[in-house]
Amino acid sequence: TVDLSVPAKSGGTVAWSNIIGAPSSFPPSGPA
């Protein structure tokens, strides 16, 4: 597994909405 650290310069956090192409939810999803 790759560990990736992205600290914000202003001391804040990276917003999920700012990541292009991010999925709306993670597996598992759909019918059980």
PDB file of all heavy atoms in Angstrom:
ATOM      1  N   THR A   1       0.828  -1.211   0.000  1.00  0.00           N
ATOM      2  CA  THR A   1       0.000   0.000   0.000  1.00  0.00           C
ATOM      3  C   THR A   1       0.858   1.255   0.000  1.00  0.00           C
ATOM      4  O   THR A   1       1.869   1.334   0.711  1.00  0.00           O
ATOM      5  CB  THR A   1      -0.915  -0.010   1.236  1.00  0.00           C
ATOM      6  OG1 THR A   1      -1.699  -1.194   1.197  1.00  0.00           O
ATOM      7  CG2 THR A   1      -1.833   1.205   1.253  1.00  0.00           C
ATOM      8  N   VAL A   2       0.463   2.227  -0.793  1.00  0.00           N
ATOM      9  CA  VAL A   2       1.210   3.483  -0.881  1.00  0.00           C
ATOM     10  C   VAL A   2       0.706   4.450   0.175  1.00  0.00           C
ATOM     11  O   VAL A   2      -0.501   4.650   0.325  1.00  0.00           O
ATOM     12  CB  VAL A   2       1.039   4.105  -2.287  1.00  0.00           C
ATOM     13  CG1 VAL A   2       1.683   5.485  -2.341  1.00  0.00           C
ATOM     14  CG2 VAL A   2       1.648   3.194  -3.329  1.00  0.00           C
ATOM     15  N   ASP A   3       1.631   5.041   0.932  1.00  0.00           N
ATOM     16  CA  ASP A   3       1.282   6.091   1.887  1.00  0.00           C
ATOM     17  C   ASP A   3       1.596   7.447   1.245  1.00  0.00           C
ATOM     18  O   ASP A   3       2.727   7.705   0.819  1.00  0.00           O
ATOM     19  CB  ASP A   3       2.080   5.948   3.180  1.00  0.00           C
ATOM     20  CG  ASP A   3       1.686   4.701   3.957  1.00  0.00           C
ATOM     21  OD1 ASP A   3       0.521   4.300   3.835  1.00  0.00           O
ATOM     22  OD2 ASP A   3       2.544   4.154   4.664  1.00  0.00           O
ATOM     23  N   LEU A   4       0.624   8.342   1.165  1.00  0.00           N
ATOM     24  CA  LEU A   4       0.809   9.651   0.536  1.00  0.00           C
ATOM     25  C   LEU A   4       0.347  10.725   1.494  1.00  0.00           C
ATOM     26  O   LEU A   4      -0.793  10.717   1.949  1.00  0.00           O
ATOM     27  CB  LEU A   4      -0.001   9.722  -0.775  1.00  0.00           C
ATOM     28  CG  LEU A   4       0.188  10.987  -1.600  1.00  0.00           C
ATOM     29  CD1 LEU A   4       1.623  11.114  -2.062  1.00  0.00           C
ATOM     30  CD2 LEU A   4      -0.740  10.957  -2.819  1.00  0.00           C
ATOM     31  N   SER A   5       1.257  11.630   1.840  1.00  0.00           N
ATOM     32  CA  SER A   5       0.935  12.711   2.761  1.00  0.00           C
ATOM     33  C   SER A   5       0.875  14.021   1.990  1.00  0.00           C
ATOM     34  O   SER A   5       1.830  14.377   1.283  1.00  0.00           O
ATOM     35  CB  SER A   5       1.994  12.797   3.866  1.00  0.00           C
ATOM     36  OG  SER A   5       1.750  13.900   4.702  1.00  0.00           O
ATOM     37  N   VAL A   6      -0.253  14.757   2.080  1.00  0.00           N
ATOM     38  CA  VAL A   6      -0.424  16.035   1.369  1.00  0.00           C
ATOM     39  C   VAL A   6      -0.799  17.109   2.375  1.00  0.00           C
ATOM     40  O   VAL A   6      -1.980  17.378   2.590  1.00  0.00           O
ATOM     41  CB  VAL A   6      -1.502  15.910   0.260  1.00  0.00           C
ATOM     42  CG1 VAL A   6      -1.540  17.189  -0.581  1.00  0.00           C
ATOM     43  CG2 VAL A   6      -1.225  14.720  -0.618  1.00  0.00           C
ATOM     44  N   PRO A   7       0.149  17.705   3.057  1.00  0.00           N
ATOM     45  CA  PRO A   7      -0.191  18.765   4.024  1.00  0.00           C
ATOM     46  C   PRO A   7      -0.553  20.068   3.316  1.00  0.00           C
ATOM     47  O   PRO A   7       0.011  20.395   2.270  1.00  0.00           O
ATOM     48  CB  PRO A   7       1.095  18.918   4.826  1.00  0.00           C
ATOM     49  CG  PRO A   7       2.170  18.492   3.898  1.00  0.00           C
ATOM     50  CD  PRO A   7       1.582  17.418   3.024  1.00  0.00           C
ATOM     51  N   ALA A   8      -1.510  20.784   3.847  1.00  0.00           N
ATOM     52  CA  ALA A   8      -1.894  22.083   3.280  1.00  0.00           C
ATOM     53  C   ALA A   8      -0.946  23.160   3.781  1.00  0.00           C
ATOM     54  O   ALA A   8      -0.570  23.167   4.951  1.00  0.00           O
ATOM     55  CB  ALA A   8      -3.336  22.420   3.660  1.00  0.00           C
ATOM     56  N   LYS A   9      -0.560  24.120   2.899  1.00  0.00           N
ATOM     57  CA  LYS A   9       0.399  25.155   3.305  1.00  0.00           C
ATOM     58  C   LYS A   9      -0.154  26.050   4.400  1.00  0.00           C
ATOM     59  O   LYS A   9       0.556  26.519   5.274  1.00  0.00           O
ATOM     60  CB  LYS A   9       0.756  26.011   2.081  1.00  0.00           C
ATOM     61  CG  LYS A   9       1.675  25.319   1.094  1.00  0.00           C
ATOM     62  CD  LYS A   9       2.086  26.275  -0.007  1.00  0.00           C
ATOM     63  CE  LYS A   9       3.076  25.601  -0.947  1.00  0.00           C
ATOM     64  NZ  LYS A   9       3.500  26.537  -2.030  1.00  0.00           N
ATOM     65  N   SER A  10      -1.476  26.274   4.346  1.00  0.00           N
ATOM     66  CA  SER A  10      -2.070  27.172   5.326  1.00  0.00           C
ATOM     67  C   SER A  10      -2.376  26.493   6.644  1.00  0.00           C
ATOM     68  O   SER A  10      -2.935  27.105   7.540  1.00  0.00           O
ATOM     69  CB  SER A  10      -3.358  27.772   4.757  1.00  0.00           C
ATOM     70  OG  SER A  10      -4.280  26.729   4.474  1.00  0.00           O
ATOM     71  N   GLY A  11      -2.025  25.207   6.761  1.00  0.00           N
ATOM     72  CA  GLY A  11      -2.309  24.488   7.996  1.00  0.00           C
ATOM     73  C   GLY A  11      -3.653  23.823   8.003  1.00  0.00           C
ATOM     74  O   GLY A  11      -4.021  23.171   8.975  1.00  0.00           O
ATOM     75  N   GLY A  12      -4.447  23.959   6.907  1.00  0.00           N
ATOM     76  CA  GLY A  12      -5.758  23.345   6.834  1.00  0.00           C
ATOM     77  C   GLY A  12      -5.679  21.934   6.285  1.00  0.00           C
ATOM     78  O   GLY A  12      -4.637  21.275   6.348  1.00  0.00           O
ATOM     79  N   THR A  13      -6.761  21.453   5.697  1.00  0.00           N
ATOM     80  CA  THR A  13      -6.807  20.116   5.134  1.00  0.00           C
ATOM     81  C   THR A  13      -7.204  20.188   3.674  1.00  0.00           C
ATOM     82  O   THR A  13      -7.764  21.192   3.214  1.00  0.00           O
ATOM     83  CB  THR A  13      -7.816  19.244   5.888  1.00  0.00           C
ATOM     84  OG1 THR A  13      -9.108  19.834   5.787  1.00  0.00           O
ATOM     85  CG2 THR A  13      -7.440  19.086   7.354  1.00  0.00           C
ATOM     86  N   VAL A  14      -6.958  19.105   2.932  1.00  0.00           N
ATOM     87  CA  VAL A  14      -7.363  19.021   1.533  1.00  0.00           C
ATOM     88  C   VAL A  14      -8.816  18.575   1.472  1.00  0.00           C
ATOM     89  O   VAL A  14      -9.166  17.513   1.984  1.00  0.00           O
ATOM     90  CB  VAL A  14      -6.467  18.031   0.767  1.00  0.00           C
ATOM     91  CG1 VAL A  14      -6.951  17.896  -0.674  1.00  0.00           C
ATOM     92  CG2 VAL A  14      -5.025  18.489   0.815  1.00  0.00           C
ATOM     93  N   ALA A  15      -9.667  19.375   0.859  1.00  0.00           N
ATOM     94  CA  ALA A  15     -11.086  19.049   0.783  1.00  0.00           C
ATOM     95  C   ALA A  15     -11.326  17.949  -0.239  1.00  0.00           C
ATOM     96  O   ALA A  15     -10.700  17.923  -1.305  1.00  0.00           O
ATOM     97  CB  ALA A  15     -11.898  20.295   0.419  1.00  0.00           C
ATOM     98  N   TRP A  16     -12.204  17.006   0.109  1.00  0.00           N
ATOM     99  CA  TRP A  16     -12.532  15.908  -0.802  1.00  0.00           C
ATOM    100  C   TRP A  16     -13.105  16.436  -2.122  1.00  0.00           C
ATOM    101  O   TRP A  16     -12.841  15.888  -3.196  1.00  0.00           O
ATOM    102  CB  TRP A  16     -13.533  14.970  -0.116  1.00  0.00           C
ATOM    103  CG  TRP A  16     -13.851  13.727  -0.910  1.00  0.00           C
ATOM    104  CD1 TRP A  16     -14.906  13.529  -1.727  1.00  0.00           C
ATOM    105  CD2 TRP A  16     -13.063  12.534  -0.976  1.00  0.00           C
ATOM    106  NE1 TRP A  16     -14.858  12.292  -2.301  1.00  0.00           N
ATOM    107  CE2 TRP A  16     -13.719  11.643  -1.844  1.00  0.00           C
ATOM    108  CE3 TRP A  16     -11.864  12.133  -0.384  1.00  0.00           C
ATOM    109  CZ2 TRP A  16     -13.239  10.381  -2.149  1.00  0.00           C
ATOM    110  CZ3 TRP A  16     -11.379  10.867  -0.676  1.00  0.00           C
ATOM    111  CH2 TRP A  16     -12.052  10.008  -1.551  1.00  0.00           C
ATOM    112  N   SER A  17     -13.852  17.532  -2.050  1.00  0.00           N
ATOM    113  CA  SER A  17     -14.486  18.098  -3.256  1.00  0.00           C
ATOM    114  C   SER A  17     -13.459  18.664  -4.216  1.00  0.00           C
ATOM    115  O   SER A  17     -13.756  18.872  -5.401  1.00  0.00           O
ATOM    116  CB  SER A  17     -15.498  19.177  -2.859  1.00  0.00           C
ATOM    117  OG  SER A  17     -14.846  20.215  -2.130  1.00  0.00           O
ATOM    118  N   ASN A  18     -12.230  18.938  -3.750  1.00  0.00           N
ATOM    119  CA  ASN A  18     -11.189  19.494  -4.616  1.00  0.00           C
ATOM    120  C   ASN A  18     -10.439  18.419  -5.391  1.00  0.00           C
ATOM    121  O   ASN A  18      -9.582  18.735  -6.209  1.00  0.00           O
ATOM    122  CB  ASN A  18     -10.195  20.299  -3.787  1.00  0.00           C
ATOM    123  CG  ASN A  18     -10.813  21.567  -3.235  1.00  0.00           C
ATOM    124  OD1 ASN A  18     -11.781  22.087  -3.790  1.00  0.00           O
ATOM    125  ND2 ASN A  18     -10.260  22.074  -2.144  1.00  0.00           N
ATOM    126  N   ILE A  19     -10.729  17.129  -5.098  1.00  0.00           N
ATOM    127  CA  ILE A  19     -10.060  16.040  -5.794  1.00  0.00           C
ATOM    128  C   ILE A  19     -10.916  15.637  -6.983  1.00  0.00           C
ATOM    129  O   ILE A  19     -12.049  15.162  -6.828  1.00  0.00           O
ATOM    130  CB  ILE A  19      -9.831  14.842  -4.854  1.00  0.00           C
ATOM    131  CG1 ILE A  19      -8.976  15.276  -3.666  1.00  0.00           C
ATOM    132  CG2 ILE A  19      -9.155  13.695  -5.600  1.00  0.00           C
ATOM    133  CD1 ILE A  19      -8.755  14.190  -2.649  1.00  0.00           C
ATOM    134  N   ILE A  20     -10.365  15.850  -8.216  1.00  0.00           N
ATOM    135  CA  ILE A  20     -11.115  15.566  -9.438  1.00  0.00           C
ATOM    136  C   ILE A  20     -11.175  14.059  -9.666  1.00  0.00           C
ATOM    137  O   ILE A  20     -10.163  13.364  -9.551  1.00  0.00           O
ATOM    138  CB  ILE A  20     -10.462  16.255 -10.637  1.00  0.00           C
ATOM    139  CG1 ILE A  20     -10.462  17.780 -10.442  1.00  0.00           C
ATOM    140  CG2 ILE A  20     -11.171  15.890 -11.944  1.00  0.00           C
ATOM    141  CD1 ILE A  20      -9.738  18.526 -11.523  1.00  0.00           C
ATOM    142  N   GLY A  21     -12.359  13.555  -9.979  1.00  0.00           N
ATOM    143  CA  GLY A  21     -12.521  12.139 -10.285  1.00  0.00           C
ATOM    144  C   GLY A  21     -12.655  11.247  -9.064  1.00  0.00           C
ATOM    145  O   GLY A  21     -12.650  10.022  -9.191  1.00  0.00           O
ATOM    146  N   ALA A  22     -12.741  11.820  -7.865  1.00  0.00           N
ATOM    147  CA  ALA A  22     -12.894  10.995  -6.659  1.00  0.00           C
ATOM    148  C   ALA A  22     -14.257  10.319  -6.669  1.00  0.00           C
ATOM    149  O   ALA A  22     -15.264  10.931  -7.029  1.00  0.00           O
ATOM    150  CB  ALA A  22     -12.745  11.857  -5.417  1.00  0.00           C
ATOM    151  N   PRO A  23     -14.353   9.033  -6.282  1.00  0.00           N
ATOM    152  CA  PRO A  23     -15.655   8.327  -6.278  1.00  0.00           C
ATOM    153  C   PRO A  23     -16.552   8.861  -5.176  1.00  0.00           C
ATOM    154  O   PRO A  23     -16.086   9.405  -4.173  1.00  0.00           O
ATOM    155  CB  PRO A  23     -15.259   6.873  -6.008  1.00  0.00           C
ATOM    156  CG  PRO A  23     -13.967   6.969  -5.278  1.00  0.00           C
ATOM    157  CD  PRO A  23     -13.250   8.152  -5.843  1.00  0.00           C
ATOM    158  N   SER A  24     -17.857   8.699  -5.384  1.00  0.00           N
ATOM    159  CA  SER A  24     -18.813   9.172  -4.379  1.00  0.00           C
ATOM    160  C   SER A  24     -18.840   8.273  -3.152  1.00  0.00           C
ATOM    161  O   SER A  24     -19.223   8.701  -2.061  1.00  0.00           O
ATOM    162  CB  SER A  24     -20.222   9.253  -4.994  1.00  0.00           C
ATOM    163  OG  SER A  24     -20.609   7.974  -5.477  1.00  0.00           O
ATOM    164  N   SER A  25     -18.467   7.017  -3.307  1.00  0.00           N
ATOM    165  CA  SER A  25     -18.404   6.089  -2.165  1.00  0.00           C
ATOM    166  C   SER A  25     -17.395   5.005  -2.494  1.00  0.00           C
ATOM    167  O   SER A  25     -17.038   4.795  -3.654  1.00  0.00           O
ATOM    168  CB  SER A  25     -19.779   5.471  -1.876  1.00  0.00           C
ATOM    169  OG  SER A  25     -20.206   4.686  -2.980  1.00  0.00           O
ATOM    170  N   PHE A  26     -16.914   4.330  -1.470  1.00  0.00           N
ATOM    171  CA  PHE A  26     -15.944   3.270  -1.647  1.00  0.00           C
ATOM    172  C   PHE A  26     -16.626   1.903  -1.563  1.00  0.00           C
ATOM    173  O   PHE A  26     -17.648   1.742  -0.902  1.00  0.00           O
ATOM    174  CB  PHE A  26     -14.863   3.357  -0.560  1.00  0.00           C
ATOM    175  CG  PHE A  26     -13.930   4.510  -0.775  1.00  0.00           C
ATOM    176  CD1 PHE A  26     -14.075   5.680  -0.053  1.00  0.00           C
ATOM    177  CD2 PHE A  26     -12.907   4.420  -1.707  1.00  0.00           C
ATOM    178  CE1 PHE A  26     -13.217   6.736  -0.254  1.00  0.00           C
ATOM    179  CE2 PHE A  26     -12.038   5.474  -1.910  1.00  0.00           C
ATOM    180  CZ  PHE A  26     -12.188   6.646  -1.184  1.00  0.00           C
ATOM    181  N   PRO A  27     -16.056   0.878  -2.219  1.00  0.00           N
ATOM    182  CA  PRO A  27     -16.621  -0.490  -2.106  1.00  0.00           C
ATOM    183  C   PRO A  27     -16.583  -0.945  -0.653  1.00  0.00           C
ATOM    184  O   PRO A  27     -15.731  -0.504   0.119  1.00  0.00           O
ATOM    185  CB  PRO A  27     -15.684  -1.319  -2.988  1.00  0.00           C
ATOM    186  CG  PRO A  27     -15.006  -0.338  -3.885  1.00  0.00           C
ATOM    187  CD  PRO A  27     -14.908   0.931  -3.090  1.00  0.00           C
ATOM    188  N   PRO A  28     -17.478  -1.906  -0.229  1.00  0.00           N
ATOM    189  CA  PRO A  28     -18.504  -2.491  -1.102  1.00  0.00           C
ATOM    190  C   PRO A  28     -19.687  -1.558  -1.282  1.00  0.00           C
ATOM    191  O   PRO A  28     -20.000  -0.769  -0.400  1.00  0.00           O
ATOM    192  CB  PRO A  28     -18.918  -3.755  -0.337  1.00  0.00           C
ATOM    193  CG  PRO A  28     -18.692  -3.414   1.095  1.00  0.00           C
ATOM    194  CD  PRO A  28     -17.470  -2.530   1.123  1.00  0.00           C
ATOM    195  N   SER A  29     -20.331  -1.663  -2.439  1.00  0.00           N
ATOM    196  CA  SER A  29     -21.513  -0.863  -2.720  1.00  0.00           C
ATOM    197  C   SER A  29     -22.449  -1.687  -3.588  1.00  0.00           C
ATOM    198  O   SER A  29     -22.072  -2.761  -4.063  1.00  0.00           O
ATOM    199  CB  SER A  29     -21.119   0.444  -3.425  1.00  0.00           C
ATOM    200  OG  SER A  29     -20.514   0.160  -4.676  1.00  0.00           O
ATOM    201  N   GLY A  30     -23.654  -1.230  -3.746  1.00  0.00           N
ATOM    202  CA  GLY A  30     -24.611  -1.953  -4.557  1.00  0.00           C
ATOM    203  C   GLY A  30     -25.362  -3.003  -3.760  1.00  0.00           C
ATOM    204  O   GLY A  30     -25.347  -3.026  -2.526  1.00  0.00           O
ATOM    205  N   PRO A  31     -26.035  -3.952  -4.473  1.00  0.00           N
ATOM    206  CA  PRO A  31     -26.852  -4.971  -3.796  1.00  0.00           C
ATOM    207  C   PRO A  31     -25.983  -5.935  -2.965  1.00  0.00           C
ATOM    208  O   PRO A  31     -24.872  -6.292  -3.352  1.00  0.00           O
ATOM    209  CB  PRO A  31     -27.529  -5.715  -4.958  1.00  0.00           C
ATOM    210  CG  PRO A  31     -27.418  -4.801  -6.121  1.00  0.00           C
ATOM    211  CD  PRO A  31     -26.164  -4.024  -5.931  1.00  0.00           C
ATOM    212  N   ALA A  32     -26.501  -6.356  -1.830  1.00  0.00           N
ATOM    213  CA  ALA A  32     -25.821  -7.330  -0.969  1.00  0.00           C
ATOM    214  C   ALA A  32     -26.222  -8.742  -1.370  1.00  0.00           C
ATOM    215  O   ALA A  32     -27.278  -8.958  -1.953  1.00  0.00           O
ATOM    216  CB  ALA A  32     -26.174  -7.078   0.498  1.00  0.00           C
TER     217      ALA A  32
END
